[in-house]
């Protein structure tokens, strides 16, 4: 199992980085990304802490720990600059909080994140055909979400991604221990989104690619 969308108490998660890594280690994970929420006011303070934690934990834990962040409720016009800055600060994975129907995300966020070249567009809600096609062109991966509320449009995202030829990946959006998803749970969510067996295999392989573990 590889999960590239998790949160610690450096934003709104319940666990510290070390405990989160320990819990996924016990669950048999091969890799995890620490992707706490950041925005204009917190990217400079939070990302370096995540980078340091990921590097130290990855050196001692029997799994790969990636430093990431989730750009959350940022103004569309700021997303490219914040994406670039997060990468300058050392992130391995940049996630952007997409236009989920569960929160009042600014319209245009999906397109801005895709054009900024983020790695993963999380829970993109009622993603348009044009934005899915652009994601395919830009190589931006679309998330099939395991989180309550955000998961309500998983079927739509999967269908639009299929038509556009865009890549998809599972992300738990873990905030608490009860949100932890093992591989079997991830496969159930992907199957529930309407993915065929070969598409589920491709989504799990996409996590390997993004984590730098692809053979």
N, C-alpha and C. Protein backbone atom coordinates (compact mmCIF):
# COMPACT_ATOMS: atom_id res chain seq x y z
N UNK A 1 0.83 -1.19 0.00
CA UNK A 1 0.00 0.00 0.00
C UNK A 1 0.87 1.25 0.00
N UNK A 2 0.46 2.22 -0.76
CA UNK A 2 1.11 3.54 -0.80
C UNK A 2 0.01 4.58 -0.71
N UNK A 3 0.17 5.53 0.19
CA UNK A 3 -0.83 6.59 0.35
C UNK A 3 -0.10 7.93 0.26
N UNK A 4 -0.51 8.73 -0.71
CA UNK A 4 0.17 10.01 -0.97
C UNK A 4 -0.66 11.21 -0.56
N UNK A 5 -1.63 11.00 0.36
CA UNK A 5 -2.45 12.11 0.84
C UNK A 5 -2.82 11.86 2.29
N UNK A 6 -2.01 12.39 3.21
CA UNK A 6 -2.26 12.24 4.65
C UNK A 6 -1.98 13.57 5.36
N UNK A 7 -2.53 13.68 6.57
CA UNK A 7 -2.37 14.91 7.36
C UNK A 7 -1.95 14.59 8.79
N UNK A 8 -1.04 15.40 9.32
CA UNK A 8 -0.59 15.28 10.70
C UNK A 8 -1.12 16.48 11.48
N UNK A 9 -0.72 16.56 12.77
CA UNK A 9 -1.17 17.72 13.54
C UNK A 9 -0.41 19.00 13.20
N UNK A 10 0.45 18.93 12.18
CA UNK A 10 1.04 20.17 11.67
C UNK A 10 0.00 20.97 10.87
N UNK A 11 -1.13 20.32 10.54
CA UNK A 11 -2.29 21.07 10.05
C UNK A 11 -3.50 20.61 10.86
N UNK A 12 -4.40 19.82 10.28
CA UNK A 12 -5.61 19.45 11.03
C UNK A 12 -5.73 17.95 11.28
N UNK A 13 -4.62 17.23 11.18
CA UNK A 13 -4.63 15.81 11.51
C UNK A 13 -4.50 15.58 13.00
N UNK A 14 -4.71 14.34 13.42
CA UNK A 14 -4.67 14.01 14.85
C UNK A 14 -3.32 13.50 15.31
N UNK A 15 -2.49 13.00 14.39
CA UNK A 15 -1.23 12.36 14.76
C UNK A 15 -0.03 13.21 14.38
N UNK A 16 1.05 13.03 15.12
CA UNK A 16 2.31 13.62 14.70
C UNK A 16 2.91 12.80 13.57
N UNK A 17 3.87 13.35 12.86
CA UNK A 17 4.48 12.60 11.76
C UNK A 17 5.02 11.23 12.17
N UNK A 18 5.67 11.15 13.32
CA UNK A 18 6.26 9.88 13.74
C UNK A 18 5.20 8.82 13.99
N UNK A 19 4.10 9.20 14.67
CA UNK A 19 3.06 8.22 14.94
C UNK A 19 2.34 7.82 13.66
N UNK A 20 2.10 8.76 12.78
CA UNK A 20 1.45 8.41 11.52
C UNK A 20 2.30 7.39 10.76
N UNK A 21 3.60 7.65 10.69
CA UNK A 21 4.49 6.72 9.99
C UNK A 21 4.51 5.36 10.68
N UNK A 22 4.51 5.34 12.00
CA UNK A 22 4.51 4.07 12.71
C UNK A 22 3.24 3.27 12.43
N UNK A 23 2.11 3.95 12.40
CA UNK A 23 0.85 3.25 12.15
C UNK A 23 0.80 2.66 10.74
N UNK A 24 1.27 3.39 9.76
CA UNK A 24 1.25 2.83 8.41
C UNK A 24 2.33 1.76 8.24
N UNK A 25 3.41 1.88 8.98
CA UNK A 25 4.42 0.83 8.98
C UNK A 25 3.83 -0.48 9.47
N UNK A 26 3.10 -0.44 10.58
CA UNK A 26 2.48 -1.64 11.14
C UNK A 26 1.47 -2.22 10.15
N UNK A 27 0.83 -1.34 9.38
CA UNK A 27 -0.16 -1.79 8.39
C UNK A 27 0.49 -2.32 7.11
N UNK A 28 1.82 -2.28 7.04
CA UNK A 28 2.52 -2.87 5.92
C UNK A 28 2.71 -1.96 4.72
N UNK A 29 2.63 -0.65 4.92
CA UNK A 29 2.79 0.28 3.80
C UNK A 29 4.22 0.26 3.27
N UNK A 30 4.35 0.51 1.97
CA UNK A 30 5.66 0.68 1.33
C UNK A 30 6.09 2.14 1.30
N UNK A 31 5.12 3.06 1.28
CA UNK A 31 5.44 4.49 1.22
C UNK A 31 4.24 5.29 1.69
N UNK A 32 4.53 6.47 2.21
CA UNK A 32 3.48 7.40 2.61
C UNK A 32 4.01 8.81 2.40
N UNK A 33 3.11 9.72 2.03
CA UNK A 33 3.48 11.13 1.90
C UNK A 33 2.77 11.93 2.99
N UNK A 34 3.52 12.80 3.65
CA UNK A 34 2.97 13.71 4.65
C UNK A 34 2.59 14.99 3.90
N UNK A 35 1.29 15.22 3.72
CA UNK A 35 0.84 16.30 2.85
C UNK A 35 -0.08 17.25 3.61
N UNK A 36 0.46 17.89 4.62
CA UNK A 36 -0.37 18.79 5.42
C UNK A 36 -0.83 20.00 4.62
N UNK A 37 -1.98 20.53 5.04
CA UNK A 37 -2.54 21.71 4.40
C UNK A 37 -1.60 22.90 4.55
N UNK A 38 -1.39 23.62 3.46
CA UNK A 38 -0.65 24.88 3.51
C UNK A 38 -1.35 25.89 2.61
N UNK A 39 -1.06 27.15 2.86
CA UNK A 39 -1.59 28.22 2.02
C UNK A 39 -0.60 29.37 2.03
N UNK A 40 -1.04 30.54 1.62
CA UNK A 40 -0.14 31.70 1.53
C UNK A 40 0.56 31.98 2.85
N UNK A 41 -0.13 31.77 3.96
CA UNK A 41 0.43 32.14 5.26
C UNK A 41 1.25 31.07 5.93
N UNK A 42 1.18 29.81 5.46
CA UNK A 42 1.83 28.73 6.20
C UNK A 42 2.85 27.93 5.39
N UNK A 43 2.93 28.15 4.10
CA UNK A 43 3.84 27.31 3.30
C UNK A 43 5.29 27.45 3.76
N UNK A 44 5.70 28.66 4.11
CA UNK A 44 7.09 28.88 4.50
C UNK A 44 7.43 28.21 5.84
N UNK A 45 6.47 28.15 6.74
CA UNK A 45 6.73 27.56 8.05
C UNK A 45 6.53 26.06 8.07
N UNK A 46 5.51 25.56 7.38
CA UNK A 46 5.13 24.16 7.49
C UNK A 46 5.96 23.24 6.60
N UNK A 47 6.21 23.64 5.37
CA UNK A 47 6.89 22.74 4.45
C UNK A 47 8.28 22.34 4.93
N UNK A 48 9.12 23.27 5.42
CA UNK A 48 10.44 22.84 5.90
C UNK A 48 10.37 21.84 7.05
N UNK A 49 9.37 21.97 7.91
CA UNK A 49 9.20 21.02 9.01
C UNK A 49 8.85 19.64 8.46
N UNK A 50 7.95 19.59 7.49
CA UNK A 50 7.56 18.33 6.87
C UNK A 50 8.74 17.69 6.13
N UNK A 51 9.52 18.50 5.46
CA UNK A 51 10.69 17.98 4.74
C UNK A 51 11.67 17.36 5.72
N UNK A 52 11.95 18.06 6.81
CA UNK A 52 12.89 17.52 7.81
C UNK A 52 12.35 16.23 8.44
N UNK A 53 11.07 16.24 8.80
CA UNK A 53 10.47 15.05 9.41
C UNK A 53 10.51 13.87 8.44
N UNK A 54 10.15 14.11 7.19
CA UNK A 54 10.14 13.02 6.21
C UNK A 54 11.53 12.44 5.99
N UNK A 55 12.53 13.30 5.91
CA UNK A 55 13.89 12.82 5.68
C UNK A 55 14.38 11.98 6.86
N UNK A 56 14.12 12.45 8.08
CA UNK A 56 14.59 11.72 9.26
C UNK A 56 13.85 10.40 9.41
N UNK A 57 12.53 10.41 9.22
CA UNK A 57 11.75 9.19 9.38
C UNK A 57 12.05 8.18 8.28
N UNK A 58 12.26 8.66 7.07
CA UNK A 58 12.57 7.77 5.97
C UNK A 58 13.91 7.07 6.18
N UNK A 59 14.81 7.74 6.88
CA UNK A 59 16.13 7.16 7.12
C UNK A 59 16.10 6.02 8.13
N UNK A 60 15.06 6.01 8.99
CA UNK A 60 15.02 5.01 10.05
C UNK A 60 13.85 4.03 9.95
N UNK A 61 12.82 4.35 9.21
CA UNK A 61 11.66 3.48 9.08
C UNK A 61 11.81 2.57 7.86
N UNK A 62 11.19 1.39 7.88
CA UNK A 62 11.30 0.46 6.75
C UNK A 62 10.31 0.74 5.64
N UNK A 63 10.09 2.01 5.35
CA UNK A 63 9.24 2.42 4.23
C UNK A 63 9.70 3.79 3.78
N UNK A 64 9.29 4.20 2.61
CA UNK A 64 9.67 5.51 2.12
C UNK A 64 8.68 6.55 2.63
N UNK A 65 9.21 7.61 3.24
CA UNK A 65 8.39 8.71 3.73
C UNK A 65 8.70 9.92 2.87
N UNK A 66 7.68 10.44 2.19
CA UNK A 66 7.86 11.57 1.30
C UNK A 66 7.35 12.85 1.96
N UNK A 67 8.04 13.92 1.67
CA UNK A 67 7.59 15.23 2.12
C UNK A 67 6.65 15.82 1.09
N UNK A 68 5.50 16.25 1.53
CA UNK A 68 4.54 16.84 0.61
C UNK A 68 3.81 17.99 1.25
N UNK A 69 2.80 18.47 0.56
CA UNK A 69 1.90 19.47 1.12
C UNK A 69 0.64 19.46 0.27
N UNK A 70 -0.44 19.97 0.84
CA UNK A 70 -1.68 20.14 0.09
C UNK A 70 -2.04 21.62 0.09
N UNK A 71 -1.94 22.25 -1.05
CA UNK A 71 -2.35 23.65 -1.19
C UNK A 71 -3.87 23.68 -1.05
N UNK A 72 -4.35 24.40 -0.05
CA UNK A 72 -5.75 24.29 0.35
C UNK A 72 -6.45 25.64 0.38
N UNK A 73 -7.53 25.75 -0.38
CA UNK A 73 -8.33 26.97 -0.46
C UNK A 73 -7.49 28.18 -0.83
N UNK A 74 -6.48 27.96 -1.65
CA UNK A 74 -5.67 29.07 -2.13
C UNK A 74 -6.39 29.75 -3.29
N UNK A 75 -6.13 31.04 -3.47
CA UNK A 75 -6.69 31.73 -4.62
C UNK A 75 -6.09 31.14 -5.89
N UNK A 76 -6.89 30.90 -6.91
CA UNK A 76 -6.35 30.30 -8.13
C UNK A 76 -5.13 31.00 -8.68
N UNK A 77 -5.11 32.33 -8.59
CA UNK A 77 -3.99 33.08 -9.11
C UNK A 77 -2.70 32.89 -8.33
N UNK A 78 -2.79 32.31 -7.13
CA UNK A 78 -1.61 32.09 -6.30
C UNK A 78 -1.06 30.67 -6.40
N UNK A 79 -1.80 29.77 -7.02
CA UNK A 79 -1.44 28.35 -6.95
C UNK A 79 -0.12 28.04 -7.64
N UNK A 80 0.14 28.62 -8.79
CA UNK A 80 1.42 28.36 -9.47
C UNK A 80 2.59 28.81 -8.63
N UNK A 81 2.51 30.01 -8.08
CA UNK A 81 3.62 30.53 -7.26
C UNK A 81 3.83 29.65 -6.02
N UNK A 82 2.75 29.24 -5.38
CA UNK A 82 2.87 28.43 -4.18
C UNK A 82 3.37 27.02 -4.50
N UNK A 83 2.97 26.48 -5.64
CA UNK A 83 3.49 25.19 -6.08
C UNK A 83 5.00 25.26 -6.28
N UNK A 84 5.42 26.28 -6.98
CA UNK A 84 6.86 26.45 -7.23
C UNK A 84 7.62 26.64 -5.92
N UNK A 85 7.05 27.40 -5.00
CA UNK A 85 7.73 27.65 -3.73
C UNK A 85 7.82 26.38 -2.89
N UNK A 86 6.76 25.58 -2.87
CA UNK A 86 6.80 24.33 -2.12
C UNK A 86 7.90 23.43 -2.66
N UNK A 87 8.07 23.41 -3.96
CA UNK A 87 9.13 22.58 -4.55
C UNK A 87 10.52 23.15 -4.22
N UNK A 88 10.63 24.45 -4.23
CA UNK A 88 11.91 25.06 -3.85
C UNK A 88 12.29 24.70 -2.42
N UNK A 89 11.28 24.55 -1.57
CA UNK A 89 11.52 24.23 -0.16
C UNK A 89 11.77 22.74 0.07
N UNK A 90 11.65 21.92 -0.98
CA UNK A 90 12.06 20.54 -0.88
C UNK A 90 10.98 19.48 -0.91
N UNK A 91 9.74 19.83 -1.25
CA UNK A 91 8.70 18.81 -1.27
C UNK A 91 8.93 17.79 -2.38
N UNK A 92 8.52 16.56 -2.10
CA UNK A 92 8.54 15.50 -3.11
C UNK A 92 7.23 15.44 -3.87
N UNK A 93 6.14 15.78 -3.20
CA UNK A 93 4.79 15.68 -3.76
C UNK A 93 4.02 16.96 -3.45
N UNK A 94 3.46 17.58 -4.48
CA UNK A 94 2.56 18.72 -4.27
C UNK A 94 1.15 18.30 -4.65
N UNK A 95 0.26 18.35 -3.67
CA UNK A 95 -1.15 18.05 -3.86
C UNK A 95 -1.90 19.38 -3.82
N UNK A 96 -2.96 19.50 -4.61
CA UNK A 96 -3.81 20.68 -4.50
C UNK A 96 -5.23 20.24 -4.17
N UNK A 97 -5.82 20.89 -3.21
CA UNK A 97 -7.19 20.66 -2.77
C UNK A 97 -8.13 21.12 -3.87
N UNK A 98 -8.74 20.14 -4.54
CA UNK A 98 -9.58 20.46 -5.68
C UNK A 98 -10.98 20.91 -5.29
N UNK A 99 -11.82 21.05 -6.31
CA UNK A 99 -13.15 21.64 -6.15
C UNK A 99 -14.19 20.64 -5.65
N UNK A 100 -13.91 20.02 -4.51
CA UNK A 100 -14.85 19.11 -3.88
C UNK A 100 -16.20 19.79 -3.68
N UNK A 101 -17.27 19.01 -3.80
CA UNK A 101 -18.60 19.56 -3.57
C UNK A 101 -18.90 19.70 -2.07
N UNK A 102 -17.99 19.19 -1.22
CA UNK A 102 -18.21 19.23 0.22
C UNK A 102 -17.73 20.52 0.87
N UNK A 103 -17.01 21.37 0.13
CA UNK A 103 -16.47 22.62 0.69
C UNK A 103 -16.57 23.72 -0.36
N UNK A 104 -16.54 24.98 0.10
CA UNK A 104 -16.69 26.11 -0.84
C UNK A 104 -15.38 26.50 -1.52
N UNK A 105 -14.84 25.60 -2.34
CA UNK A 105 -13.59 25.87 -3.05
C UNK A 105 -13.86 26.84 -4.19
N UNK A 106 -12.94 27.76 -4.42
CA UNK A 106 -13.12 28.78 -5.44
C UNK A 106 -13.16 28.14 -6.83
N UNK A 107 -14.18 28.44 -7.62
CA UNK A 107 -14.21 27.93 -9.00
C UNK A 107 -12.96 28.36 -9.76
N UNK A 108 -12.44 27.47 -10.56
CA UNK A 108 -11.20 27.73 -11.28
C UNK A 108 -9.99 27.14 -10.59
N UNK A 109 -10.17 26.62 -9.36
CA UNK A 109 -9.05 26.01 -8.64
C UNK A 109 -8.52 24.79 -9.38
N UNK A 110 -9.42 23.94 -9.89
CA UNK A 110 -8.95 22.75 -10.61
C UNK A 110 -8.05 23.11 -11.78
N UNK A 111 -8.51 24.05 -12.61
CA UNK A 111 -7.71 24.43 -13.78
C UNK A 111 -6.39 25.08 -13.37
N UNK A 112 -6.42 25.92 -12.35
CA UNK A 112 -5.19 26.58 -11.91
C UNK A 112 -4.17 25.57 -11.41
N UNK A 113 -4.64 24.55 -10.68
CA UNK A 113 -3.74 23.53 -10.17
C UNK A 113 -3.15 22.70 -11.30
N UNK A 114 -3.97 22.38 -12.28
CA UNK A 114 -3.50 21.60 -13.43
C UNK A 114 -2.46 22.40 -14.21
N UNK A 115 -2.75 23.66 -14.46
CA UNK A 115 -1.81 24.50 -15.20
C UNK A 115 -0.53 24.75 -14.42
N UNK A 116 -0.61 24.70 -13.08
CA UNK A 116 0.58 24.87 -12.25
C UNK A 116 1.44 23.61 -12.24
N UNK A 117 0.87 22.49 -12.72
CA UNK A 117 1.64 21.25 -12.76
C UNK A 117 1.79 20.56 -11.43
N UNK A 118 0.78 20.66 -10.54
CA UNK A 118 0.86 19.92 -9.30
C UNK A 118 0.94 18.42 -9.60
N UNK A 119 1.36 17.64 -8.64
CA UNK A 119 1.46 16.20 -8.86
C UNK A 119 0.10 15.53 -8.81
N UNK A 120 -0.72 15.92 -7.81
CA UNK A 120 -2.02 15.30 -7.62
C UNK A 120 -3.07 16.39 -7.39
N UNK A 121 -4.17 16.32 -8.16
CA UNK A 121 -5.32 17.16 -7.90
C UNK A 121 -6.29 16.34 -7.06
N UNK A 122 -6.40 16.70 -5.78
CA UNK A 122 -7.20 15.92 -4.85
C UNK A 122 -8.68 16.22 -5.02
N UNK A 123 -9.48 15.19 -4.83
CA UNK A 123 -10.96 15.30 -4.83
C UNK A 123 -11.46 16.48 -5.68
N UNK A 124 -11.34 16.36 -7.01
CA UNK A 124 -11.66 17.49 -7.89
C UNK A 124 -13.14 17.71 -8.15
N UNK A 125 -14.01 17.00 -7.44
CA UNK A 125 -15.43 17.28 -7.53
C UNK A 125 -16.01 17.03 -8.90
N UNK A 126 -16.82 17.96 -9.38
CA UNK A 126 -17.47 17.81 -10.69
C UNK A 126 -16.53 18.31 -11.78
N UNK A 127 -15.42 17.63 -11.88
CA UNK A 127 -14.37 17.96 -12.84
C UNK A 127 -14.93 18.03 -14.25
N UNK A 128 -14.56 19.07 -14.99
CA UNK A 128 -15.06 19.20 -16.35
C UNK A 128 -14.25 18.34 -17.30
N UNK A 129 -14.86 18.03 -18.44
CA UNK A 129 -14.16 17.27 -19.47
C UNK A 129 -12.90 18.02 -19.93
N UNK A 130 -13.02 19.34 -20.08
CA UNK A 130 -11.88 20.13 -20.54
C UNK A 130 -10.74 20.09 -19.54
N UNK A 131 -11.06 20.17 -18.24
CA UNK A 131 -10.01 20.13 -17.22
C UNK A 131 -9.38 18.75 -17.13
N UNK A 132 -10.18 17.70 -17.29
CA UNK A 132 -9.62 16.35 -17.30
C UNK A 132 -8.68 16.16 -18.48
N UNK A 133 -9.07 16.69 -19.63
CA UNK A 133 -8.21 16.59 -20.81
C UNK A 133 -6.90 17.35 -20.59
N UNK A 134 -6.99 18.50 -19.95
CA UNK A 134 -5.78 19.28 -19.66
C UNK A 134 -4.90 18.55 -18.65
N UNK A 135 -5.52 17.90 -17.67
CA UNK A 135 -4.75 17.11 -16.71
C UNK A 135 -3.99 16.00 -17.43
N UNK A 136 -4.64 15.36 -18.39
CA UNK A 136 -3.97 14.32 -19.17
C UNK A 136 -2.78 14.90 -19.93
N UNK A 137 -2.97 16.07 -20.52
CA UNK A 137 -1.88 16.70 -21.28
C UNK A 137 -0.72 17.12 -20.37
N UNK A 138 -1.05 17.62 -19.20
CA UNK A 138 -0.03 18.14 -18.28
C UNK A 138 0.60 17.05 -17.42
N UNK A 139 0.02 15.85 -17.44
CA UNK A 139 0.55 14.78 -16.60
C UNK A 139 0.18 14.92 -15.14
N UNK A 140 -0.92 15.61 -14.86
CA UNK A 140 -1.40 15.77 -13.48
C UNK A 140 -2.33 14.60 -13.14
N UNK A 141 -2.09 13.97 -12.02
CA UNK A 141 -2.86 12.80 -11.61
C UNK A 141 -4.08 13.24 -10.81
N UNK A 142 -5.21 12.60 -11.08
CA UNK A 142 -6.48 12.92 -10.41
C UNK A 142 -6.73 11.92 -9.29
N UNK A 143 -7.21 12.43 -8.18
CA UNK A 143 -7.41 11.57 -7.02
C UNK A 143 -8.81 10.97 -6.95
N UNK A 144 -8.86 9.68 -6.62
CA UNK A 144 -10.08 9.02 -6.19
C UNK A 144 -9.98 8.98 -4.67
N UNK A 145 -10.89 9.67 -3.99
CA UNK A 145 -10.74 9.96 -2.57
C UNK A 145 -11.41 8.94 -1.66
N UNK A 146 -10.72 8.63 -0.58
CA UNK A 146 -11.30 7.77 0.43
C UNK A 146 -12.00 8.52 1.53
N UNK A 147 -12.05 9.86 1.43
CA UNK A 147 -12.58 10.66 2.54
C UNK A 147 -14.07 10.96 2.35
N UNK A 148 -14.78 10.86 3.48
CA UNK A 148 -16.21 11.15 3.49
C UNK A 148 -16.47 12.55 2.94
N UNK A 149 -17.50 12.71 2.16
CA UNK A 149 -17.82 14.00 1.54
C UNK A 149 -17.09 14.17 0.23
N UNK A 150 -15.77 14.15 0.29
CA UNK A 150 -14.97 14.29 -0.93
C UNK A 150 -15.20 13.13 -1.89
N UNK A 151 -15.55 11.95 -1.34
CA UNK A 151 -15.70 10.75 -2.17
C UNK A 151 -17.00 10.74 -2.97
N UNK A 152 -17.89 11.69 -2.72
CA UNK A 152 -19.21 11.63 -3.35
C UNK A 152 -19.16 11.75 -4.87
N UNK A 153 -18.11 12.34 -5.39
CA UNK A 153 -17.99 12.49 -6.85
C UNK A 153 -16.94 11.56 -7.45
N UNK A 154 -16.53 10.54 -6.69
CA UNK A 154 -15.51 9.61 -7.22
C UNK A 154 -15.92 8.99 -8.54
N UNK A 155 -17.18 8.58 -8.65
CA UNK A 155 -17.63 7.95 -9.89
C UNK A 155 -17.53 8.89 -11.07
N UNK A 156 -17.90 10.15 -10.84
CA UNK A 156 -17.79 11.16 -11.90
C UNK A 156 -16.33 11.37 -12.30
N UNK A 157 -15.46 11.52 -11.30
CA UNK A 157 -14.04 11.75 -11.59
C UNK A 157 -13.46 10.58 -12.38
N UNK A 158 -13.79 9.36 -11.96
CA UNK A 158 -13.27 8.18 -12.67
C UNK A 158 -13.74 8.15 -14.11
N UNK A 159 -15.01 8.45 -14.34
CA UNK A 159 -15.55 8.40 -15.70
C UNK A 159 -14.94 9.47 -16.59
N UNK A 160 -14.82 10.68 -16.07
CA UNK A 160 -14.25 11.78 -16.86
C UNK A 160 -12.77 11.52 -17.14
N UNK A 161 -12.06 11.01 -16.13
CA UNK A 161 -10.64 10.69 -16.32
C UNK A 161 -10.47 9.63 -17.39
N UNK A 162 -11.34 8.63 -17.38
CA UNK A 162 -11.24 7.55 -18.37
C UNK A 162 -11.41 8.12 -19.79
N UNK A 163 -12.41 8.95 -19.96
CA UNK A 163 -12.65 9.51 -21.30
C UNK A 163 -11.50 10.39 -21.77
N UNK A 164 -10.86 11.08 -20.82
CA UNK A 164 -9.78 12.00 -21.17
C UNK A 164 -8.42 11.31 -21.27
N UNK A 165 -8.33 10.10 -20.74
CA UNK A 165 -7.04 9.43 -20.70
C UNK A 165 -6.14 9.95 -19.60
N UNK A 166 -6.75 10.52 -18.54
CA UNK A 166 -5.98 11.05 -17.42
C UNK A 166 -5.69 9.95 -16.40
N UNK A 167 -4.57 10.07 -15.71
CA UNK A 167 -4.21 9.10 -14.69
C UNK A 167 -4.96 9.37 -13.39
N UNK A 168 -5.26 8.31 -12.66
CA UNK A 168 -5.90 8.45 -11.36
C UNK A 168 -5.10 7.69 -10.32
N UNK A 169 -5.29 8.09 -9.05
CA UNK A 169 -4.62 7.44 -7.93
C UNK A 169 -5.55 7.51 -6.73
N UNK A 170 -5.44 6.54 -5.85
CA UNK A 170 -6.21 6.57 -4.61
C UNK A 170 -5.48 7.41 -3.57
N UNK A 171 -6.24 8.21 -2.80
CA UNK A 171 -5.69 8.92 -1.65
C UNK A 171 -6.68 8.86 -0.51
N UNK A 172 -6.22 8.48 0.67
CA UNK A 172 -7.15 8.35 1.80
C UNK A 172 -7.56 9.70 2.37
N UNK A 173 -6.69 10.74 2.20
CA UNK A 173 -6.92 12.02 2.87
C UNK A 173 -7.01 11.78 4.38
N UNK A 174 -6.11 10.97 4.88
CA UNK A 174 -6.11 10.54 6.28
C UNK A 174 -5.88 11.71 7.23
N UNK A 175 -6.79 11.85 8.20
CA UNK A 175 -6.65 12.83 9.27
C UNK A 175 -6.55 12.16 10.64
N UNK A 176 -7.11 10.97 10.76
CA UNK A 176 -7.17 10.26 12.04
C UNK A 176 -6.85 8.79 11.82
N UNK A 177 -6.50 8.06 12.88
CA UNK A 177 -6.20 6.63 12.72
C UNK A 177 -7.33 5.85 12.05
N UNK A 178 -8.55 6.24 12.31
CA UNK A 178 -9.69 5.53 11.72
C UNK A 178 -9.78 5.73 10.21
N UNK A 179 -9.06 6.71 9.66
CA UNK A 179 -9.08 6.96 8.22
C UNK A 179 -8.08 6.10 7.45
N UNK A 180 -7.21 5.41 8.17
CA UNK A 180 -6.17 4.63 7.51
C UNK A 180 -6.80 3.56 6.62
N UNK A 181 -6.34 3.49 5.38
CA UNK A 181 -6.84 2.50 4.42
C UNK A 181 -5.72 1.58 4.00
N UNK A 182 -5.92 0.29 4.17
CA UNK A 182 -4.95 -0.66 3.63
C UNK A 182 -5.24 -0.88 2.15
N UNK A 183 -4.47 -1.75 1.52
CA UNK A 183 -4.63 -1.95 0.08
C UNK A 183 -6.02 -2.48 -0.27
N UNK A 184 -6.53 -3.38 0.55
CA UNK A 184 -7.85 -3.94 0.26
C UNK A 184 -8.92 -2.86 0.31
N UNK A 185 -8.81 -1.97 1.29
CA UNK A 185 -9.79 -0.87 1.38
C UNK A 185 -9.66 0.07 0.20
N UNK A 186 -8.44 0.37 -0.20
CA UNK A 186 -8.23 1.24 -1.37
C UNK A 186 -8.82 0.61 -2.62
N UNK A 187 -8.63 -0.68 -2.78
CA UNK A 187 -9.18 -1.36 -3.95
C UNK A 187 -10.71 -1.30 -3.95
N UNK A 188 -11.33 -1.40 -2.77
CA UNK A 188 -12.79 -1.33 -2.69
C UNK A 188 -13.29 0.06 -3.11
N UNK A 189 -12.58 1.10 -2.66
CA UNK A 189 -12.97 2.46 -3.04
C UNK A 189 -12.83 2.64 -4.55
N UNK A 190 -11.75 2.17 -5.10
CA UNK A 190 -11.53 2.29 -6.54
C UNK A 190 -12.57 1.51 -7.32
N UNK A 191 -12.90 0.32 -6.84
CA UNK A 191 -13.93 -0.47 -7.50
C UNK A 191 -15.29 0.22 -7.39
N UNK A 192 -15.56 0.81 -6.22
CA UNK A 192 -16.81 1.52 -6.04
C UNK A 192 -16.94 2.75 -6.92
N UNK A 193 -15.80 3.32 -7.31
CA UNK A 193 -15.81 4.47 -8.22
C UNK A 193 -16.07 4.05 -9.66
N UNK A 194 -16.11 2.75 -9.91
CA UNK A 194 -16.41 2.26 -11.24
C UNK A 194 -15.21 1.81 -12.04
N UNK A 195 -14.04 1.72 -11.41
CA UNK A 195 -12.85 1.30 -12.14
C UNK A 195 -12.88 -0.20 -12.38
N UNK A 196 -12.47 -0.61 -13.57
CA UNK A 196 -12.32 -2.01 -13.90
C UNK A 196 -11.04 -2.53 -13.26
N UNK A 197 -10.87 -3.84 -13.25
CA UNK A 197 -9.72 -4.45 -12.59
C UNK A 197 -8.41 -3.89 -13.12
N UNK A 198 -8.29 -3.78 -14.44
CA UNK A 198 -7.04 -3.27 -15.01
C UNK A 198 -6.81 -1.80 -14.66
N UNK A 199 -7.90 -1.04 -14.49
CA UNK A 199 -7.77 0.36 -14.09
C UNK A 199 -7.36 0.48 -12.63
N UNK A 200 -7.82 -0.42 -11.79
CA UNK A 200 -7.39 -0.44 -10.39
C UNK A 200 -5.91 -0.74 -10.31
N UNK A 201 -5.46 -1.70 -11.07
CA UNK A 201 -4.04 -2.03 -11.12
C UNK A 201 -3.23 -0.80 -11.56
N UNK A 202 -3.73 -0.08 -12.56
CA UNK A 202 -3.03 1.11 -13.05
C UNK A 202 -3.00 2.21 -12.00
N UNK A 203 -4.10 2.38 -11.24
CA UNK A 203 -4.15 3.41 -10.20
C UNK A 203 -3.16 3.10 -9.09
N UNK A 204 -3.05 1.85 -8.71
CA UNK A 204 -2.09 1.46 -7.68
C UNK A 204 -0.66 1.59 -8.19
N UNK A 205 -0.44 1.31 -9.47
CA UNK A 205 0.88 1.49 -10.07
C UNK A 205 1.25 2.97 -10.16
N UNK A 206 0.23 3.82 -10.34
CA UNK A 206 0.48 5.27 -10.39
C UNK A 206 1.02 5.76 -9.05
N UNK A 207 0.50 5.20 -7.95
CA UNK A 207 1.05 5.57 -6.63
C UNK A 207 2.51 5.19 -6.53
N UNK A 208 2.87 4.02 -7.07
CA UNK A 208 4.28 3.61 -7.08
C UNK A 208 5.14 4.59 -7.87
N UNK A 209 4.62 4.99 -9.03
CA UNK A 209 5.37 5.92 -9.87
C UNK A 209 5.60 7.25 -9.15
N UNK A 210 4.54 7.79 -8.57
CA UNK A 210 4.65 9.08 -7.90
C UNK A 210 5.56 9.00 -6.68
N UNK A 211 5.58 7.84 -6.03
CA UNK A 211 6.43 7.66 -4.86
C UNK A 211 7.88 7.32 -5.21
N UNK A 212 8.15 7.18 -6.51
CA UNK A 212 9.49 6.84 -6.94
C UNK A 212 9.86 5.40 -6.70
N UNK A 213 8.85 4.52 -6.63
CA UNK A 213 9.09 3.11 -6.36
C UNK A 213 8.79 2.22 -7.56
N UNK A 214 8.42 2.82 -8.69
CA UNK A 214 8.11 2.01 -9.86
C UNK A 214 9.35 1.30 -10.36
N UNK A 215 9.16 0.05 -10.77
CA UNK A 215 10.29 -0.76 -11.27
C UNK A 215 10.60 -0.35 -12.71
